[in-house]
Amino acid sequence: MGGAVEAFFLGLGQRGRADLPPRIRGSIRVDLVDGGHTDHWYVDMTAEDAVVVTQEAKPADTVMTTTHEFFERLIRGDTPLIAALFRNEATSAGDPRLVLTFRRFFPAPSGTLDPREVARRQALHGPVWRERLRKTAPVTPG
């Protein structure tokens, strides 16, 4: 098993519910398949202030299945989870709200910005506007 995958799941227990909406509660089991071998990670998000992770094949509200290799791409932020589901690189059965919640644990794909940051940069008198103004302003002799 990859060390990055194990570190990701062990880190979930340390992070707790800080990244999760308070109303969403449930469990998700991630099945990582390689050939004939499957690793199971059970993530319980029902506690008030903790996320409990075990390596068990218990029944869960949602089951997500993918390969070890592809899951490592998710935890590196190389691809977004929802796009992976649309491309069938990962599958999900159960409550879709839990998949949407679970994706908050993954890093954003590299090169992406928070929409608020994009708006700030493009706003009138923001950095982009000031740079454009500086380039087009006539130079006056001093």
N, C-alpha and C. Protein backbone atom coordinates (compact mmCIF):
# COMPACT_ATOMS: atom_id res chain seq x y z
N MET A 1 0.83 -1.18 0.00
CA MET A 1 0.00 0.00 0.00
C MET A 1 0.88 1.24 0.00
N GLY A 2 0.42 2.27 -0.70
CA GLY A 2 1.20 3.49 -0.79
C GLY A 2 1.21 4.28 0.51
N GLY A 3 2.35 4.84 0.84
CA GLY A 3 2.48 5.64 2.04
C GLY A 3 1.65 6.91 1.98
N ALA A 4 1.48 7.48 0.77
CA ALA A 4 0.71 8.71 0.63
C ALA A 4 -0.76 8.46 0.97
N VAL A 5 -1.28 7.31 0.56
CA VAL A 5 -2.68 6.99 0.83
C VAL A 5 -2.89 6.81 2.33
N GLU A 6 -2.02 6.06 2.95
CA GLU A 6 -2.13 5.83 4.39
C GLU A 6 -2.00 7.15 5.16
N ALA A 7 -1.06 7.99 4.76
CA ALA A 7 -0.87 9.29 5.42
C ALA A 7 -2.12 10.17 5.26
N PHE A 8 -2.75 10.12 4.08
CA PHE A 8 -3.97 10.89 3.84
C PHE A 8 -5.06 10.48 4.82
N PHE A 9 -5.32 9.18 4.90
CA PHE A 9 -6.40 8.72 5.77
C PHE A 9 -6.09 8.94 7.24
N LEU A 10 -4.87 8.72 7.65
CA LEU A 10 -4.52 8.97 9.05
C LEU A 10 -4.63 10.46 9.38
N GLY A 11 -4.33 11.31 8.40
CA GLY A 11 -4.45 12.75 8.59
C GLY A 11 -5.89 13.21 8.75
N LEU A 12 -6.85 12.46 8.18
CA LEU A 12 -8.26 12.85 8.32
C LEU A 12 -8.69 12.83 9.78
N GLY A 13 -8.23 11.82 10.50
CA GLY A 13 -8.58 11.73 11.91
C GLY A 13 -8.02 12.89 12.72
N GLN A 14 -6.88 13.40 12.31
CA GLN A 14 -6.26 14.52 13.02
C GLN A 14 -6.92 15.85 12.67
N ARG A 15 -7.43 15.97 11.43
CA ARG A 15 -8.06 17.22 11.00
C ARG A 15 -9.42 17.44 11.65
N GLY A 16 -10.14 16.36 11.88
CA GLY A 16 -11.47 16.48 12.47
C GLY A 16 -12.49 17.01 11.49
N ARG A 17 -13.55 17.60 12.00
CA ARG A 17 -14.67 18.05 11.17
C ARG A 17 -14.55 19.52 10.76
N ALA A 18 -13.41 20.13 10.92
CA ALA A 18 -13.27 21.56 10.63
C ALA A 18 -13.66 21.91 9.20
N ASP A 19 -13.40 21.03 8.24
CA ASP A 19 -13.68 21.31 6.83
C ASP A 19 -15.08 20.87 6.40
N LEU A 20 -15.86 20.32 7.31
CA LEU A 20 -17.14 19.72 6.93
C LEU A 20 -18.33 20.56 7.37
N PRO A 21 -19.41 20.56 6.56
CA PRO A 21 -20.63 21.24 6.98
C PRO A 21 -21.22 20.54 8.21
N PRO A 22 -21.74 21.27 9.16
CA PRO A 22 -22.21 20.65 10.41
C PRO A 22 -23.40 19.71 10.24
N ARG A 23 -24.22 19.93 9.24
CA ARG A 23 -25.43 19.11 9.08
C ARG A 23 -25.17 17.78 8.38
N ILE A 24 -24.09 17.66 7.66
CA ILE A 24 -23.82 16.43 6.92
C ILE A 24 -23.12 15.45 7.84
N ARG A 25 -23.75 14.32 8.03
CA ARG A 25 -23.18 13.27 8.86
C ARG A 25 -23.39 11.94 8.15
N GLY A 26 -22.43 11.05 8.29
CA GLY A 26 -22.55 9.73 7.68
C GLY A 26 -21.20 9.07 7.59
N SER A 27 -21.18 7.95 6.89
CA SER A 27 -19.92 7.21 6.73
C SER A 27 -19.68 6.93 5.26
N ILE A 28 -18.43 6.89 4.91
CA ILE A 28 -18.03 6.57 3.54
C ILE A 28 -16.92 5.54 3.62
N ARG A 29 -17.02 4.53 2.76
CA ARG A 29 -15.96 3.53 2.67
C ARG A 29 -15.29 3.70 1.32
N VAL A 30 -13.99 3.82 1.35
CA VAL A 30 -13.22 3.96 0.11
C VAL A 30 -12.56 2.62 -0.15
N ASP A 31 -12.91 2.02 -1.29
CA ASP A 31 -12.32 0.75 -1.70
C ASP A 31 -11.29 1.03 -2.78
N LEU A 32 -10.04 0.71 -2.49
CA LEU A 32 -8.94 0.92 -3.44
C LEU A 32 -8.56 -0.43 -4.01
N VAL A 33 -8.81 -0.59 -5.32
CA VAL A 33 -8.66 -1.88 -5.98
C VAL A 33 -7.40 -1.89 -6.83
N ASP A 34 -6.64 -2.96 -6.70
CA ASP A 34 -5.48 -3.21 -7.57
C ASP A 34 -5.48 -4.69 -7.91
N GLY A 35 -5.83 -5.00 -9.15
CA GLY A 35 -5.89 -6.41 -9.53
C GLY A 35 -6.92 -7.13 -8.70
N GLY A 36 -6.51 -8.19 -8.02
CA GLY A 36 -7.42 -8.96 -7.19
C GLY A 36 -7.44 -8.54 -5.74
N HIS A 37 -6.69 -7.50 -5.38
CA HIS A 37 -6.59 -7.06 -3.98
C HIS A 37 -7.32 -5.73 -3.78
N THR A 38 -8.07 -5.63 -2.69
CA THR A 38 -8.78 -4.40 -2.36
C THR A 38 -8.45 -3.97 -0.94
N ASP A 39 -8.06 -2.70 -0.79
CA ASP A 39 -7.86 -2.10 0.53
C ASP A 39 -9.11 -1.28 0.85
N HIS A 40 -9.60 -1.41 2.06
CA HIS A 40 -10.81 -0.70 2.49
C HIS A 40 -10.44 0.33 3.54
N TRP A 41 -10.96 1.54 3.38
CA TRP A 41 -10.80 2.59 4.38
C TRP A 41 -12.19 3.09 4.74
N TYR A 42 -12.54 2.98 6.01
CA TYR A 42 -13.85 3.38 6.50
C TYR A 42 -13.71 4.72 7.21
N VAL A 43 -14.45 5.73 6.73
CA VAL A 43 -14.37 7.08 7.27
C VAL A 43 -15.72 7.42 7.89
N ASP A 44 -15.75 7.54 9.21
CA ASP A 44 -16.98 7.82 9.94
C ASP A 44 -17.03 9.32 10.27
N MET A 45 -18.00 10.00 9.67
CA MET A 45 -18.15 11.45 9.87
C MET A 45 -19.42 11.75 10.66
N THR A 46 -19.78 10.86 11.59
CA THR A 46 -21.02 11.05 12.36
C THR A 46 -20.79 11.73 13.71
N ALA A 47 -19.59 11.69 14.23
CA ALA A 47 -19.31 12.29 15.54
C ALA A 47 -19.41 13.81 15.45
N GLU A 48 -19.67 14.42 16.57
CA GLU A 48 -19.84 15.88 16.65
C GLU A 48 -18.58 16.65 16.27
N ASP A 49 -17.42 16.16 16.72
CA ASP A 49 -16.20 16.94 16.54
C ASP A 49 -15.02 16.12 16.02
N ALA A 50 -15.28 14.93 15.49
CA ALA A 50 -14.16 14.09 15.06
C ALA A 50 -14.52 13.32 13.80
N VAL A 51 -13.50 12.95 13.07
CA VAL A 51 -13.61 12.03 11.94
C VAL A 51 -12.82 10.80 12.34
N VAL A 52 -13.48 9.65 12.33
CA VAL A 52 -12.84 8.41 12.75
C VAL A 52 -12.54 7.58 11.51
N VAL A 53 -11.28 7.18 11.36
CA VAL A 53 -10.85 6.41 10.19
C VAL A 53 -10.33 5.06 10.65
N THR A 54 -10.84 4.00 10.03
CA THR A 54 -10.34 2.65 10.29
C THR A 54 -10.15 1.95 8.96
N GLN A 55 -9.36 0.91 8.98
CA GLN A 55 -9.13 0.16 7.75
C GLN A 55 -9.97 -1.12 7.81
N GLU A 56 -11.29 -0.91 7.64
CA GLU A 56 -12.24 -2.00 7.74
C GLU A 56 -13.19 -1.98 6.55
N ALA A 57 -13.80 -3.14 6.28
CA ALA A 57 -14.76 -3.26 5.19
C ALA A 57 -16.18 -3.27 5.74
N LYS A 58 -16.49 -2.35 6.65
CA LYS A 58 -17.81 -2.27 7.26
C LYS A 58 -18.80 -1.65 6.27
N PRO A 59 -20.09 -1.96 6.41
CA PRO A 59 -21.10 -1.29 5.59
C PRO A 59 -21.07 0.22 5.87
N ALA A 60 -21.26 1.00 4.82
CA ALA A 60 -21.21 2.46 4.94
C ALA A 60 -22.38 3.08 4.19
N ASP A 61 -22.66 4.34 4.49
CA ASP A 61 -23.73 5.06 3.79
C ASP A 61 -23.38 5.27 2.32
N THR A 62 -22.11 5.41 2.03
CA THR A 62 -21.62 5.61 0.66
C THR A 62 -20.34 4.80 0.49
N VAL A 63 -20.20 4.20 -0.69
CA VAL A 63 -18.98 3.45 -1.02
C VAL A 63 -18.39 4.06 -2.28
N MET A 64 -17.15 4.47 -2.21
CA MET A 64 -16.43 4.99 -3.37
C MET A 64 -15.34 3.99 -3.74
N THR A 65 -15.26 3.67 -5.03
CA THR A 65 -14.29 2.68 -5.50
C THR A 65 -13.42 3.29 -6.59
N THR A 66 -12.13 3.08 -6.48
CA THR A 66 -11.17 3.50 -7.51
C THR A 66 -9.90 2.69 -7.32
N THR A 67 -8.87 3.00 -8.08
CA THR A 67 -7.60 2.29 -7.94
C THR A 67 -6.68 3.08 -7.01
N HIS A 68 -5.67 2.39 -6.49
CA HIS A 68 -4.66 3.07 -5.65
C HIS A 68 -4.02 4.21 -6.43
N GLU A 69 -3.64 3.91 -7.67
CA GLU A 69 -2.94 4.90 -8.49
C GLU A 69 -3.79 6.15 -8.69
N PHE A 70 -5.07 5.96 -9.01
CA PHE A 70 -5.90 7.13 -9.24
C PHE A 70 -6.18 7.88 -7.94
N PHE A 71 -6.35 7.17 -6.84
CA PHE A 71 -6.59 7.84 -5.56
C PHE A 71 -5.40 8.71 -5.18
N GLU A 72 -4.20 8.26 -5.50
CA GLU A 72 -3.02 9.09 -5.23
C GLU A 72 -3.07 10.38 -6.04
N ARG A 73 -3.61 10.32 -7.26
CA ARG A 73 -3.77 11.55 -8.05
C ARG A 73 -4.76 12.50 -7.37
N LEU A 74 -5.81 11.93 -6.78
CA LEU A 74 -6.79 12.77 -6.08
C LEU A 74 -6.16 13.46 -4.88
N ILE A 75 -5.38 12.72 -4.10
CA ILE A 75 -4.82 13.32 -2.89
C ILE A 75 -3.66 14.26 -3.17
N ARG A 76 -3.10 14.20 -4.38
CA ARG A 76 -2.09 15.19 -4.79
C ARG A 76 -2.73 16.44 -5.36
N GLY A 77 -4.02 16.38 -5.68
CA GLY A 77 -4.70 17.52 -6.29
C GLY A 77 -4.53 17.56 -7.79
N ASP A 78 -4.13 16.44 -8.40
CA ASP A 78 -3.94 16.41 -9.85
C ASP A 78 -5.25 16.43 -10.62
N THR A 79 -6.32 15.97 -10.01
CA THR A 79 -7.62 15.92 -10.68
C THR A 79 -8.73 16.08 -9.64
N PRO A 80 -9.83 16.74 -10.00
CA PRO A 80 -10.93 16.87 -9.05
C PRO A 80 -11.78 15.60 -8.98
N LEU A 81 -12.33 15.32 -7.82
CA LEU A 81 -13.11 14.10 -7.61
C LEU A 81 -14.34 14.04 -8.50
N ILE A 82 -15.07 15.12 -8.61
CA ILE A 82 -16.31 15.10 -9.39
C ILE A 82 -16.01 14.80 -10.86
N ALA A 83 -14.96 15.37 -11.41
CA ALA A 83 -14.57 15.06 -12.79
C ALA A 83 -14.22 13.58 -12.92
N ALA A 84 -13.56 13.03 -11.92
CA ALA A 84 -13.21 11.60 -11.94
C ALA A 84 -14.45 10.73 -11.95
N LEU A 85 -15.47 11.14 -11.21
CA LEU A 85 -16.72 10.37 -11.21
C LEU A 85 -17.40 10.44 -12.57
N PHE A 86 -17.39 11.60 -13.20
CA PHE A 86 -17.99 11.72 -14.54
C PHE A 86 -17.23 10.90 -15.58
N ARG A 87 -15.92 10.81 -15.42
CA ARG A 87 -15.10 10.03 -16.37
C ARG A 87 -15.05 8.55 -16.00
N ASN A 88 -15.73 8.17 -14.93
CA ASN A 88 -15.78 6.79 -14.45
C ASN A 88 -14.41 6.28 -14.01
N GLU A 89 -13.53 7.18 -13.60
CA GLU A 89 -12.24 6.78 -13.03
C GLU A 89 -12.41 6.42 -11.55
N ALA A 90 -13.52 6.84 -10.99
CA ALA A 90 -13.93 6.47 -9.64
C ALA A 90 -15.44 6.28 -9.71
N THR A 91 -15.96 5.38 -8.88
CA THR A 91 -17.41 5.17 -8.84
C THR A 91 -17.89 5.38 -7.41
N SER A 92 -19.18 5.68 -7.31
CA SER A 92 -19.76 5.95 -6.00
C SER A 92 -21.15 5.34 -5.95
N ALA A 93 -21.48 4.72 -4.82
CA ALA A 93 -22.82 4.18 -4.59
C ALA A 93 -23.26 4.63 -3.21
N GLY A 94 -24.47 5.15 -3.13
CA GLY A 94 -24.97 5.61 -1.84
C GLY A 94 -25.35 7.08 -1.87
N ASP A 95 -25.24 7.73 -0.75
CA ASP A 95 -25.64 9.12 -0.58
C ASP A 95 -24.65 10.06 -1.28
N PRO A 96 -25.06 10.73 -2.35
CA PRO A 96 -24.13 11.61 -3.08
C PRO A 96 -23.65 12.80 -2.25
N ARG A 97 -24.43 13.22 -1.24
CA ARG A 97 -24.01 14.34 -0.39
C ARG A 97 -22.72 14.01 0.35
N LEU A 98 -22.54 12.75 0.68
CA LEU A 98 -21.32 12.35 1.40
C LEU A 98 -20.10 12.41 0.49
N VAL A 99 -20.28 12.10 -0.80
CA VAL A 99 -19.16 12.23 -1.75
C VAL A 99 -18.79 13.70 -1.89
N LEU A 100 -19.81 14.56 -2.01
CA LEU A 100 -19.54 16.00 -2.11
C LEU A 100 -18.85 16.52 -0.86
N THR A 101 -19.22 15.98 0.29
CA THR A 101 -18.58 16.37 1.54
C THR A 101 -17.16 15.84 1.61
N PHE A 102 -16.96 14.58 1.23
CA PHE A 102 -15.65 13.95 1.31
C PHE A 102 -14.63 14.65 0.42
N ARG A 103 -15.09 15.20 -0.71
CA ARG A 103 -14.14 15.87 -1.62
C ARG A 103 -13.48 17.08 -0.98
N ARG A 104 -14.06 17.61 0.09
CA ARG A 104 -13.45 18.75 0.78
C ARG A 104 -12.11 18.40 1.41
N PHE A 105 -11.87 17.11 1.61
CA PHE A 105 -10.60 16.68 2.19
C PHE A 105 -9.46 16.69 1.17
N PHE A 106 -9.80 16.70 -0.12
CA PHE A 106 -8.77 16.69 -1.16
C PHE A 106 -8.29 18.11 -1.43
N PRO A 107 -7.02 18.26 -1.79
CA PRO A 107 -6.53 19.60 -2.14
C PRO A 107 -7.12 20.05 -3.48
N ALA A 108 -7.18 21.34 -3.68
CA ALA A 108 -7.65 21.88 -4.96
C ALA A 108 -6.63 21.54 -6.04
N PRO A 109 -7.09 21.31 -7.27
CA PRO A 109 -6.14 21.06 -8.36
C PRO A 109 -5.15 22.22 -8.47
N SER A 110 -3.92 21.91 -8.80
CA SER A 110 -2.89 22.94 -8.89
C SER A 110 -3.27 23.97 -9.95
N GLY A 111 -2.95 25.21 -9.67
CA GLY A 111 -3.23 26.29 -10.61
C GLY A 111 -4.61 26.89 -10.45
N THR A 112 -5.42 26.39 -9.52
CA THR A 112 -6.75 26.96 -9.34
C THR A 112 -6.72 28.01 -8.25
N LEU A 113 -7.66 28.94 -8.36
CA LEU A 113 -7.76 30.01 -7.37
C LEU A 113 -9.15 30.00 -6.76
N ASP A 114 -9.25 30.48 -5.57
CA ASP A 114 -10.53 30.68 -4.92
C ASP A 114 -11.29 31.73 -5.73
N PRO A 115 -12.58 31.52 -6.02
CA PRO A 115 -13.34 32.50 -6.82
C PRO A 115 -13.32 33.90 -6.22
N ARG A 116 -13.24 34.01 -4.90
CA ARG A 116 -13.17 35.33 -4.28
C ARG A 116 -11.86 36.04 -4.64
N GLU A 117 -10.78 35.27 -4.76
CA GLU A 117 -9.49 35.84 -5.13
C GLU A 117 -9.53 36.32 -6.58
N VAL A 118 -10.16 35.54 -7.47
CA VAL A 118 -10.28 35.95 -8.88
C VAL A 118 -11.07 37.25 -8.97
N ALA A 119 -12.18 37.34 -8.25
CA ALA A 119 -13.00 38.56 -8.27
C ALA A 119 -12.22 39.75 -7.74
N ARG A 120 -11.45 39.54 -6.69
CA ARG A 120 -10.67 40.64 -6.12
C ARG A 120 -9.64 41.15 -7.11
N ARG A 121 -9.01 40.23 -7.82
CA ARG A 121 -7.98 40.63 -8.78
C ARG A 121 -8.56 41.38 -9.97
N GLN A 122 -9.78 41.01 -10.37
CA GLN A 122 -10.37 41.62 -11.55
C GLN A 122 -11.24 42.83 -11.22
N ALA A 123 -11.47 43.10 -9.97
CA ALA A 123 -12.33 44.21 -9.56
C ALA A 123 -11.72 45.54 -9.97
N LEU A 124 -12.61 46.52 -10.18
CA LEU A 124 -12.16 47.87 -10.47
C LEU A 124 -11.25 48.31 -9.34
N HIS A 125 -10.11 48.82 -9.69
CA HIS A 125 -9.07 49.24 -8.75
C HIS A 125 -8.35 48.07 -8.10
N GLY A 126 -8.56 46.86 -8.62
CA GLY A 126 -7.81 45.69 -8.14
C GLY A 126 -6.46 45.63 -8.83
N PRO A 127 -5.63 44.66 -8.51
CA PRO A 127 -4.28 44.56 -9.06
C PRO A 127 -4.24 44.45 -10.58
N VAL A 128 -5.16 43.69 -11.18
CA VAL A 128 -5.16 43.54 -12.64
C VAL A 128 -5.51 44.86 -13.29
N TRP A 129 -6.52 45.55 -12.78
CA TRP A 129 -6.93 46.83 -13.33
C TRP A 129 -5.80 47.85 -13.22
N ARG A 130 -5.14 47.91 -12.06
CA ARG A 130 -4.05 48.87 -11.87
C ARG A 130 -2.89 48.59 -12.83
N GLU A 131 -2.59 47.33 -13.05
CA GLU A 131 -1.50 46.97 -13.98
C GLU A 131 -1.86 47.40 -15.40
N ARG A 132 -3.10 47.16 -15.82
CA ARG A 132 -3.54 47.59 -17.15
C ARG A 132 -3.45 49.11 -17.28
N LEU A 133 -3.88 49.81 -16.26
CA LEU A 133 -3.85 51.27 -16.27
C LEU A 133 -2.41 51.76 -16.36
N ARG A 134 -1.52 51.14 -15.62
CA ARG A 134 -0.11 51.54 -15.63
C ARG A 134 0.49 51.37 -17.02
N LYS A 135 0.12 50.31 -17.72
CA LYS A 135 0.68 50.05 -19.05
C LYS A 135 0.13 51.00 -20.10
N THR A 136 -1.11 51.46 -19.92
CA THR A 136 -1.72 52.30 -20.94
C THR A 136 -1.65 53.79 -20.64
N ALA A 137 -1.26 54.14 -19.44
CA ALA A 137 -1.20 55.55 -19.07
C ALA A 137 -0.06 56.23 -19.82
N PRO A 138 -0.32 57.43 -20.34
CA PRO A 138 0.75 58.14 -21.04
C PRO A 138 1.86 58.55 -20.07
N VAL A 139 3.05 58.50 -20.56
CA VAL A 139 4.20 58.88 -19.75
C VAL A 139 4.37 60.39 -19.88
N THR A 140 4.42 61.07 -18.77
CA THR A 140 4.60 62.52 -18.79
C THR A 140 6.03 62.84 -18.40
N PRO A 141 6.63 63.77 -19.13
CA PRO A 141 8.00 64.12 -18.77
C PRO A 141 8.03 64.80 -17.41
N GLY A 142 9.01 64.45 -16.64
CA GLY A 142 9.07 64.96 -15.29
C GLY A 142 10.11 65.93 -15.10
